[in-house]
């Protein structure tokens, strides 16, 4: 008669020791991730050089915008002047 409760000699059964090892690794992983999250919360979100670069880019954009407005003013002033006739290369054709 074969006893169904006991495994055969060729079968490998993890048993209670295997369970304890896997459970211990899971518990260690839980505390490792908990500690990592705690340390990551302390990390500065944005480095200072990024903020300085963003500020410089905004300042450059404002300078370009001011330059564009000055150019627009020049265009407006040129539109008010009468256009010159360049068809005769500046010579009179009377």
PDB file of N, CA and C in Angstrom:
ATOM      1  N   UNK A   1       0.822  -1.162   0.000  1.00  0.00           N
ATOM      2  CA  UNK A   1       0.000   0.000   0.000  1.00  0.00           C
ATOM      3  C   UNK A   1       0.879   1.242   0.000  1.00  0.00           C
ATOM      4  N   UNK A   2       0.496   2.237  -0.815  1.00  0.00           N
ATOM      5  CA  UNK A   2       1.277   3.465  -0.947  1.00  0.00           C
ATOM      6  C   UNK A   2       0.649   4.531  -0.051  1.00  0.00           C
ATOM      7  N   UNK A   3       1.502   5.171   0.678  1.00  0.00           N
ATOM      8  CA  UNK A   3       1.017   6.252   1.544  1.00  0.00           C
ATOM      9  C   UNK A   3       1.047   7.533   0.719  1.00  0.00           C
ATOM     10  N   UNK A   4      -0.091   8.211   0.583  1.00  0.00           N
ATOM     11  CA  UNK A   4      -0.195   9.402  -0.251  1.00  0.00           C
ATOM     12  C   UNK A   4       0.340  10.659   0.432  1.00  0.00           C
ATOM     13  N   UNK A   5       0.465  10.680   1.711  1.00  0.00           N
ATOM     14  CA  UNK A   5       0.886  11.866   2.428  1.00  0.00           C
ATOM     15  C   UNK A   5       2.378  12.106   2.337  1.00  0.00           C
ATOM     16  N   UNK A   6       3.172  11.092   2.182  1.00  0.00           N
ATOM     17  CA  UNK A   6       4.622  11.280   2.135  1.00  0.00           C
ATOM     18  C   UNK A   6       5.101  11.288   0.684  1.00  0.00           C
ATOM     19  N   UNK A   7       6.004  12.209   0.330  1.00  0.00           N
ATOM     20  CA  UNK A   7       6.500  12.289  -1.040  1.00  0.00           C
ATOM     21  C   UNK A   7       7.457  11.149  -1.337  1.00  0.00           C
ATOM     22  N   UNK A   8       7.621  10.894  -2.606  1.00  0.00           N
ATOM     23  CA  UNK A   8       8.557   9.852  -3.014  1.00  0.00           C
ATOM     24  C   UNK A   8       9.980  10.342  -2.766  1.00  0.00           C
ATOM     25  N   UNK A   9      10.912   9.425  -2.759  1.00  0.00           N
ATOM     26  CA  UNK A   9      12.302   9.770  -2.473  1.00  0.00           C
ATOM     27  C   UNK A   9      12.901  10.658  -3.562  1.00  0.00           C
ATOM     28  N   UNK A  10      12.400  10.575  -4.804  1.00  0.00           N
ATOM     29  CA  UNK A  10      12.948  11.378  -5.889  1.00  0.00           C
ATOM     30  C   UNK A  10      12.328  12.781  -5.978  1.00  0.00           C
ATOM     31  N   UNK A  11      11.282  13.057  -5.232  1.00  0.00           N
ATOM     32  CA  UNK A  11      10.638  14.366  -5.265  1.00  0.00           C
ATOM     33  C   UNK A  11      11.294  15.301  -4.251  1.00  0.00           C
ATOM     34  N   UNK A  12      11.384  16.567  -4.659  1.00  0.00           N
ATOM     35  CA  UNK A  12      11.953  17.581  -3.767  1.00  0.00           C
ATOM     36  C   UNK A  12      10.800  18.404  -3.219  1.00  0.00           C
ATOM     37  N   UNK A  13      10.739  18.545  -1.938  1.00  0.00           N
ATOM     38  CA  UNK A  13       9.668  19.288  -1.283  1.00  0.00           C
ATOM     39  C   UNK A  13      10.327  20.389  -0.470  1.00  0.00           C
ATOM     40  N   UNK A  14       9.883  21.644  -0.679  1.00  0.00           N
ATOM     41  CA  UNK A  14      10.527  22.726   0.047  1.00  0.00           C
ATOM     42  C   UNK A  14      10.275  22.666   1.552  1.00  0.00           C
ATOM     43  N   UNK A  15       9.111  22.329   1.932  1.00  0.00           N
ATOM     44  CA  UNK A  15       8.823  22.202   3.357  1.00  0.00           C
ATOM     45  C   UNK A  15       8.798  23.542   4.072  1.00  0.00           C
ATOM     46  N   UNK A  16       8.848  23.447   5.366  1.00  0.00           N
ATOM     47  CA  UNK A  16       8.747  24.637   6.215  1.00  0.00           C
ATOM     48  C   UNK A  16       9.992  25.502   6.099  1.00  0.00           C
ATOM     49  N   UNK A  17      11.150  24.897   5.905  1.00  0.00           N
ATOM     50  CA  UNK A  17      12.388  25.656   5.787  1.00  0.00           C
ATOM     51  C   UNK A  17      12.366  26.528   4.533  1.00  0.00           C
ATOM     52  N   UNK A  18      11.891  26.016   3.419  1.00  0.00           N
ATOM     53  CA  UNK A  18      11.773  26.798   2.192  1.00  0.00           C
ATOM     54  C   UNK A  18      10.820  27.963   2.367  1.00  0.00           C
ATOM     55  N   UNK A  19       9.702  27.708   3.038  1.00  0.00           N
ATOM     56  CA  UNK A  19       8.741  28.780   3.287  1.00  0.00           C
ATOM     57  C   UNK A  19       9.366  29.880   4.140  1.00  0.00           C
ATOM     58  N   UNK A  20      10.078  29.504   5.181  1.00  0.00           N
ATOM     59  CA  UNK A  20      10.692  30.499   6.061  1.00  0.00           C
ATOM     60  C   UNK A  20      11.751  31.329   5.318  1.00  0.00           C
ATOM     61  N   UNK A  21      12.505  30.702   4.427  1.00  0.00           N
ATOM     62  CA  UNK A  21      13.516  31.428   3.655  1.00  0.00           C
ATOM     63  C   UNK A  21      12.844  32.443   2.729  1.00  0.00           C
ATOM     64  N   UNK A  22      11.811  32.021   2.007  1.00  0.00           N
ATOM     65  CA  UNK A  22      11.111  32.923   1.090  1.00  0.00           C
ATOM     66  C   UNK A  22      10.412  34.037   1.879  1.00  0.00           C
ATOM     67  N   UNK A  23       9.784  33.717   2.990  1.00  0.00           N
ATOM     68  CA  UNK A  23       9.118  34.726   3.810  1.00  0.00           C
ATOM     69  C   UNK A  23      10.141  35.721   4.369  1.00  0.00           C
ATOM     70  N   UNK A  24      11.293  35.231   4.785  1.00  0.00           N
ATOM     71  CA  UNK A  24      12.357  36.116   5.298  1.00  0.00           C
ATOM     72  C   UNK A  24      12.877  37.050   4.211  1.00  0.00           C
ATOM     73  N   UNK A  25      13.035  36.530   2.987  1.00  0.00           N
ATOM     74  CA  UNK A  25      13.480  37.375   1.878  1.00  0.00           C
ATOM     75  C   UNK A  25      12.424  38.427   1.548  1.00  0.00           C
ATOM     76  N   UNK A  26      11.150  38.056   1.598  1.00  0.00           N
ATOM     77  CA  UNK A  26      10.073  39.019   1.362  1.00  0.00           C
ATOM     78  C   UNK A  26      10.057  40.102   2.424  1.00  0.00           C
ATOM     79  N   UNK A  27      10.254  39.722   3.678  1.00  0.00           N
ATOM     80  CA  UNK A  27      10.298  40.689   4.764  1.00  0.00           C
ATOM     81  C   UNK A  27      11.501  41.622   4.622  1.00  0.00           C
ATOM     82  N   UNK A  28      12.651  41.071   4.259  1.00  0.00           N
ATOM     83  CA  UNK A  28      13.842  41.896   4.045  1.00  0.00           C
ATOM     84  C   UNK A  28      13.621  42.866   2.881  1.00  0.00           C
ATOM     85  N   UNK A  29      12.978  42.400   1.815  1.00  0.00           N
ATOM     86  CA  UNK A  29      12.690  43.259   0.671  1.00  0.00           C
ATOM     87  C   UNK A  29      11.740  44.385   1.074  1.00  0.00           C
ATOM     88  N   UNK A  30      10.741  44.084   1.896  1.00  0.00           N
ATOM     89  CA  UNK A  30       9.809  45.109   2.361  1.00  0.00           C
ATOM     90  C   UNK A  30      10.554  46.217   3.098  1.00  0.00           C
ATOM     91  N   UNK A  31      11.410  45.851   4.053  1.00  0.00           N
ATOM     92  CA  UNK A  31      12.131  46.862   4.818  1.00  0.00           C
ATOM     93  C   UNK A  31      13.166  47.595   3.970  1.00  0.00           C
ATOM     94  N   UNK A  32      13.750  46.927   2.995  1.00  0.00           N
ATOM     95  CA  UNK A  32      14.700  47.585   2.092  1.00  0.00           C
ATOM     96  C   UNK A  32      13.992  48.650   1.258  1.00  0.00           C
ATOM     97  N   UNK A  33      12.830  48.327   0.705  1.00  0.00           N
ATOM     98  CA  UNK A  33      12.070  49.304  -0.079  1.00  0.00           C
ATOM     99  C   UNK A  33      11.549  50.446   0.796  1.00  0.00           C
ATOM    100  N   UNK A  34      11.155  50.145   2.007  1.00  0.00           N
ATOM    101  CA  UNK A  34      10.691  51.173   2.933  1.00  0.00           C
ATOM    102  C   UNK A  34      11.811  52.162   3.240  1.00  0.00           C
ATOM    103  N   UNK A  35      13.008  51.634   3.485  1.00  0.00           N
ATOM    104  CA  UNK A  35      14.159  52.489   3.765  1.00  0.00           C
ATOM    105  C   UNK A  35      14.531  53.313   2.539  1.00  0.00           C
ATOM    106  N   UNK A  36      14.488  52.706   1.348  1.00  0.00           N
ATOM    107  CA  UNK A  36      14.820  53.428   0.114  1.00  0.00           C
ATOM    108  C   UNK A  36      13.855  54.589  -0.093  1.00  0.00           C
ATOM    109  N   UNK A  37      12.564  54.367   0.113  1.00  0.00           N
ATOM    110  CA  UNK A  37      11.578  55.437  -0.044  1.00  0.00           C
ATOM    111  C   UNK A  37      11.818  56.555   0.954  1.00  0.00           C
ATOM    112  N   UNK A  38      12.189  56.210   2.172  1.00  0.00           N
ATOM    113  CA  UNK A  38      12.469  57.210   3.190  1.00  0.00           C
ATOM    114  C   UNK A  38      13.653  58.086   2.767  1.00  0.00           C
ATOM    115  N   UNK A  39      14.679  57.481   2.201  1.00  0.00           N
ATOM    116  CA  UNK A  39      15.851  58.233   1.761  1.00  0.00           C
ATOM    117  C   UNK A  39      15.555  59.046   0.498  1.00  0.00           C
ATOM    118  N   UNK A  40      14.743  58.515  -0.384  1.00  0.00           N
ATOM    119  CA  UNK A  40      14.418  59.246  -1.607  1.00  0.00           C
ATOM    120  C   UNK A  40      13.574  60.481  -1.328  1.00  0.00           C
ATOM    121  N   UNK A  41      12.783  60.464  -0.267  1.00  0.00           N
ATOM    122  CA  UNK A  41      12.001  61.649   0.081  1.00  0.00           C
ATOM    123  C   UNK A  41      12.889  62.803   0.511  1.00  0.00           C
ATOM    124  N   UNK A  42      14.101  62.497   0.975  1.00  0.00           N
ATOM    125  CA  UNK A  42      15.037  63.529   1.417  1.00  0.00           C
ATOM    126  C   UNK A  42      15.768  64.184   0.246  1.00  0.00           C
ATOM    127  N   UNK A  43      15.748  63.548  -0.905  1.00  0.00           N
ATOM    128  CA  UNK A  43      16.485  64.054  -2.054  1.00  0.00           C
ATOM    129  C   UNK A  43      15.807  65.315  -2.579  1.00  0.00           C
ATOM    130  N   UNK A  44      16.620  66.295  -2.978  1.00  0.00           N
ATOM    131  CA  UNK A  44      16.090  67.542  -3.527  1.00  0.00           C
ATOM    132  C   UNK A  44      15.479  67.239  -4.887  1.00  0.00           C
ATOM    133  N   UNK A  45      14.284  67.774  -5.123  1.00  0.00           N
ATOM    134  CA  UNK A  45      13.574  67.476  -6.367  1.00  0.00           C
ATOM    135  C   UNK A  45      14.269  68.095  -7.576  1.00  0.00           C
ATOM    136  N   UNK A  46      14.600  69.382  -7.527  1.00  0.00           N
ATOM    137  CA  UNK A  46      15.220  70.079  -8.654  1.00  0.00           C
ATOM    138  C   UNK A  46      16.587  70.587  -8.216  1.00  0.00           C
ATOM    139  N   UNK A  47      17.641  70.264  -8.962  1.00  0.00           N
ATOM    140  CA  UNK A  47      18.947  70.820  -8.609  1.00  0.00           C
ATOM    141  C   UNK A  47      18.986  72.327  -8.874  1.00  0.00           C
ATOM    142  N   UNK A  48      19.863  73.037  -8.198  1.00  0.00           N
ATOM    143  CA  UNK A  48      19.935  74.492  -8.312  1.00  0.00           C
ATOM    144  C   UNK A  48      20.299  74.927  -9.724  1.00  0.00           C
ATOM    145  N   UNK A  49      21.159  74.169 -10.393  1.00  0.00           N
ATOM    146  CA  UNK A  49      21.595  74.597 -11.728  1.00  0.00           C
ATOM    147  C   UNK A  49      20.435  74.587 -12.718  1.00  0.00           C
ATOM    148  N   UNK A  50      19.447  73.715 -12.513  1.00  0.00           N
ATOM    149  CA  UNK A  50      18.286  73.719 -13.408  1.00  0.00           C
ATOM    150  C   UNK A  50      17.463  74.989 -13.238  1.00  0.00           C
ATOM    151  N   UNK A  51      17.295  75.404 -11.997  1.00  0.00           N
ATOM    152  CA  UNK A  51      16.542  76.634 -11.740  1.00  0.00           C
ATOM    153  C   UNK A  51      17.282  77.841 -12.309  1.00  0.00           C
ATOM    154  N   UNK A  52      18.613  77.858 -12.171  1.00  0.00           N
ATOM    155  CA  UNK A  52      19.398  78.963 -12.727  1.00  0.00           C
ATOM    156  C   UNK A  52      19.302  78.980 -14.248  1.00  0.00           C
ATOM    157  N   UNK A  53      19.358  77.814 -14.867  1.00  0.00           N
ATOM    158  CA  UNK A  53      19.253  77.740 -16.328  1.00  0.00           C
ATOM    159  C   UNK A  53      17.873  78.185 -16.791  1.00  0.00           C
ATOM    160  N   UNK A  54      16.835  77.787 -16.074  1.00  0.00           N
ATOM    161  CA  UNK A  54      15.478  78.193 -16.437  1.00  0.00           C
ATOM    162  C   UNK A  54      15.328  79.709 -16.318  1.00  0.00           C
ATOM    163  N   UNK A  55      15.917  80.281 -15.246  1.00  0.00           N
ATOM    164  CA  UNK A  55      15.850  81.726 -15.053  1.00  0.00           C
ATOM    165  C   UNK A  55      16.597  82.456 -16.164  1.00  0.00           C
ATOM    166  N   UNK A  56      17.765  81.943 -16.538  1.00  0.00           N
ATOM    167  CA  UNK A  56      18.543  82.564 -17.613  1.00  0.00           C
ATOM    168  C   UNK A  56      17.786  82.476 -18.934  1.00  0.00           C
ATOM    169  N   UNK A  57      17.128  81.365 -19.168  1.00  0.00           N
ATOM    170  CA  UNK A  57      16.361  81.207 -20.400  1.00  0.00           C
ATOM    171  C   UNK A  57      15.191  82.185 -20.426  1.00  0.00           C
ATOM    172  N   UNK A  58      14.535  82.398 -19.297  1.00  0.00           N
ATOM    173  CA  UNK A  58      13.435  83.354 -19.242  1.00  0.00           C
ATOM    174  C   UNK A  58      13.950  84.777 -19.467  1.00  0.00           C
ATOM    175  N   UNK A  59      15.114  85.087 -18.869  1.00  0.00           N
ATOM    176  CA  UNK A  59      15.694  86.412 -19.076  1.00  0.00           C
ATOM    177  C   UNK A  59      16.055  86.620 -20.534  1.00  0.00           C
ATOM    178  N   UNK A  60      16.598  85.579 -21.167  1.00  0.00           N
ATOM    179  CA  UNK A  60      16.950  85.657 -22.584  1.00  0.00           C
ATOM    180  C   UNK A  60      15.693  85.837 -23.431  1.00  0.00           C
ATOM    181  N   UNK A  61      14.633  85.167 -23.056  1.00  0.00           N
ATOM    182  CA  UNK A  61      13.371  85.307 -23.778  1.00  0.00           C
ATOM    183  C   UNK A  61      12.812  86.713 -23.654  1.00  0.00           C
ATOM    184  N   UNK A  62      12.950  87.292 -22.456  1.00  0.00           N
ATOM    185  CA  UNK A  62      12.476  88.675 -22.280  1.00  0.00           C
ATOM    186  C   UNK A  62      13.309  89.635 -23.113  1.00  0.00           C
ATOM    187  N   UNK A  63      14.632  89.410 -23.165  1.00  0.00           N
ATOM    188  CA  UNK A  63      15.500  90.277 -23.964  1.00  0.00           C
ATOM    189  C   UNK A  63      15.133  90.163 -25.439  1.00  0.00           C
ATOM    190  N   UNK A  64      14.863  88.955 -25.893  1.00  0.00           N
ATOM    191  CA  UNK A  64      14.469  88.773 -27.289  1.00  0.00           C
ATOM    192  C   UNK A  64      13.121  89.426 -27.563  1.00  0.00           C
ATOM    193  N   UNK A  65      12.229  89.350 -26.594  1.00  0.00           N
ATOM    194  CA  UNK A  65      10.916  89.959 -26.766  1.00  0.00           C
ATOM    195  C   UNK A  65      11.066  91.480 -26.838  1.00  0.00           C
ATOM    196  N   UNK A  66      11.910  92.044 -25.971  1.00  0.00           N
ATOM    197  CA  UNK A  66      12.154  93.485 -26.009  1.00  0.00           C
ATOM    198  C   UNK A  66      12.792  93.884 -27.328  1.00  0.00           C
ATOM    199  N   UNK A  67      13.727  93.061 -27.812  1.00  0.00           N
ATOM    200  CA  UNK A  67      14.379  93.329 -29.095  1.00  0.00           C
ATOM    201  C   UNK A  67      13.360  93.260 -30.226  1.00  0.00           C
ATOM    202  N   UNK A  68      12.448  92.304 -30.157  1.00  0.00           N
ATOM    203  CA  UNK A  68      11.405  92.177 -31.171  1.00  0.00           C
ATOM    204  C   UNK A  68      10.478  93.376 -31.169  1.00  0.00           C
ATOM    205  N   UNK A  69      10.162  93.883 -29.985  1.00  0.00           N
ATOM    206  CA  UNK A  69       9.308  95.067 -29.911  1.00  0.00           C
ATOM    207  C   UNK A  69      10.028  96.282 -30.480  1.00  0.00           C
ATOM    208  N   UNK A  70      11.331  96.393 -30.238  1.00  0.00           N
ATOM    209  CA  UNK A  70      12.106  97.509 -30.797  1.00  0.00           C
ATOM    210  C   UNK A  70      12.125  97.411 -32.318  1.00  0.00           C
ATOM    211  N   UNK A  71      12.295  96.200 -32.837  1.00  0.00           N
ATOM    212  CA  UNK A  71      12.291  96.023 -34.294  1.00  0.00           C
ATOM    213  C   UNK A  71      10.925  96.369 -34.882  1.00  0.00           C
ATOM    214  N   UNK A  72       9.876  96.036 -34.158  1.00  0.00           N
ATOM    215  CA  UNK A  72       8.539  96.367 -34.629  1.00  0.00           C
ATOM    216  C   UNK A  72       8.363  97.877 -34.700  1.00  0.00           C
ATOM    217  N   UNK A  73       8.920  98.588 -33.717  1.00  0.00           N
ATOM    218  CA  UNK A  73       8.870 100.040 -33.722  1.00  0.00           C
ATOM    219  C   UNK A  73       9.634 100.608 -34.908  1.00  0.00           C
ATOM    220  N   UNK A  74      10.790  99.990 -35.250  1.00  0.00           N
ATOM    221  CA  UNK A  74      11.561 100.429 -36.418  1.00  0.00           C
ATOM    222  C   UNK A  74      10.766 100.203 -37.694  1.00  0.00           C
ATOM    223  N   UNK A  75      10.114  99.082 -37.788  1.00  0.00           N
ATOM    224  CA  UNK A  75       9.312  98.800 -38.982  1.00  0.00           C
ATOM    225  C   UNK A  75       8.186  99.825 -39.134  1.00  0.00           C
ATOM    226  N   UNK A  76       7.567 100.147 -38.007  1.00  0.00           N
ATOM    227  CA  UNK A  76       6.473 101.120 -38.037  1.00  0.00           C
ATOM    228  C   UNK A  76       6.996 102.484 -38.483  1.00  0.00           C
ATOM    229  N   UNK A  77       8.176 102.868 -38.000  1.00  0.00           N
ATOM    230  CA  UNK A  77       8.760 104.152 -38.396  1.00  0.00           C
ATOM    231  C   UNK A  77       9.085 104.150 -39.887  1.00  0.00           C
ATOM    232  N   UNK A  78       9.574 103.010 -40.407  1.00  0.00           N
ATOM    233  CA  UNK A  78       9.897 102.930 -41.834  1.00  0.00           C
ATOM    234  C   UNK A  78       8.630 102.953 -42.688  1.00  0.00           C
ATOM    235  N   UNK A  79       7.541 102.428 -42.179  1.00  0.00           N
ATOM    236  CA  UNK A  79       6.306 102.437 -42.949  1.00  0.00           C
ATOM    237  C   UNK A  79       5.755 103.856 -43.083  1.00  0.00           C
ATOM    238  N   UNK A  80       6.042 104.692 -42.101  1.00  0.00           N
ATOM    239  CA  UNK A  80       5.574 106.070 -42.156  1.00  0.00           C
ATOM    240  C   UNK A  80       6.333 106.893 -43.190  1.00  0.00           C
ATOM    241  N   UNK A  81       7.568 106.504 -43.517  1.00  0.00           N
ATOM    242  CA  UNK A  81       8.371 107.237 -44.497  1.00  0.00           C
ATOM    243  C   UNK A  81       7.906 106.869 -45.911  1.00  0.00           C
ATOM    244  N   UNK A  82       8.005 107.812 -46.859  1.00  0.00           N
ATOM    245  CA  UNK A  82       7.647 107.474 -48.238  1.00  0.00           C
ATOM    246  C   UNK A  82       8.702 106.545 -48.840  1.00  0.00           C
ATOM    247  N   UNK A  83       8.258 105.647 -49.674  1.00  0.00           N
ATOM    248  CA  UNK A  83       9.192 104.715 -50.300  1.00  0.00           C
ATOM    249  C   UNK A  83       9.988 105.416 -51.385  1.00  0.00           C
ATOM    250  N   UNK A  84      11.227 105.003 -51.525  1.00  0.00           N
ATOM    251  CA  UNK A  84      12.075 105.589 -52.560  1.00  0.00           C
ATOM    252  C   UNK A  84      11.954 104.765 -53.824  1.00  0.00           C
ATOM    253  N   UNK A  85      12.123 105.434 -54.941  1.00  0.00           N
ATOM    254  CA  UNK A  85      12.047 104.773 -56.232  1.00  0.00           C
ATOM    255  C   UNK A  85      13.453 104.379 -56.664  1.00  0.00           C
ATOM    256  N   UNK A  86      13.724 103.067 -56.694  1.00  0.00           N
ATOM    257  CA  UNK A  86      15.050 102.584 -57.062  1.00  0.00           C
ATOM    258  C   UNK A  86      15.066 102.024 -58.486  1.00  0.00           C
ATOM    259  N   UNK A  87      14.045 102.275 -59.257  1.00  0.00           N
ATOM    260  CA  UNK A  87      13.998 101.691 -60.606  1.00  0.00           C
ATOM    261  C   UNK A  87      15.036 102.295 -61.543  1.00  0.00           C
ATOM    262  N   UNK A  88      15.539 103.501 -61.278  1.00  0.00           N
ATOM    263  CA  UNK A  88      16.501 104.153 -62.172  1.00  0.00           C
ATOM    264  C   UNK A  88      17.881 104.239 -61.555  1.00  0.00           C
ATOM    265  N   UNK A  89      18.137 103.487 -60.507  1.00  0.00           N
ATOM    266  CA  UNK A  89      19.429 103.447 -59.844  1.00  0.00           C
ATOM    267  C   UNK A  89      19.892 104.836 -59.376  1.00  0.00           C
ATOM    268  N   UNK A  90      18.957 105.630 -59.005  1.00  0.00           N
ATOM    269  CA  UNK A  90      19.304 106.938 -58.471  1.00  0.00           C
ATOM    270  C   UNK A  90      19.624 107.981 -59.524  1.00  0.00           C
ATOM    271  N   UNK A  91      19.520 107.667 -60.800  1.00  0.00           N
ATOM    272  CA  UNK A  91      19.790 108.643 -61.845  1.00  0.00           C
ATOM    273  C   UNK A  91      18.481 109.171 -62.382  1.00  0.00           C
ATOM    274  N   UNK A  92      18.509 110.386 -62.824  1.00  0.00           N
ATOM    275  CA  UNK A  92      17.280 110.946 -63.375  1.00  0.00           C
ATOM    276  C   UNK A  92      17.118 110.513 -64.819  1.00  0.00           C
ATOM    277  N   UNK A  93      15.942 110.166 -65.197  1.00  0.00           N
ATOM    278  CA  UNK A  93      15.630 109.686 -66.549  1.00  0.00           C
ATOM    279  C   UNK A  93      14.659 110.655 -67.223  1.00  0.00           C
ATOM    280  N   UNK A  94      14.963 111.902 -67.246  1.00  0.00           N
ATOM    281  CA  UNK A  94      14.056 112.873 -67.825  1.00  0.00           C
ATOM    282  C   UNK A  94      14.135 112.999 -69.305  1.00  0.00           C
TER     283      UNK A  94
END
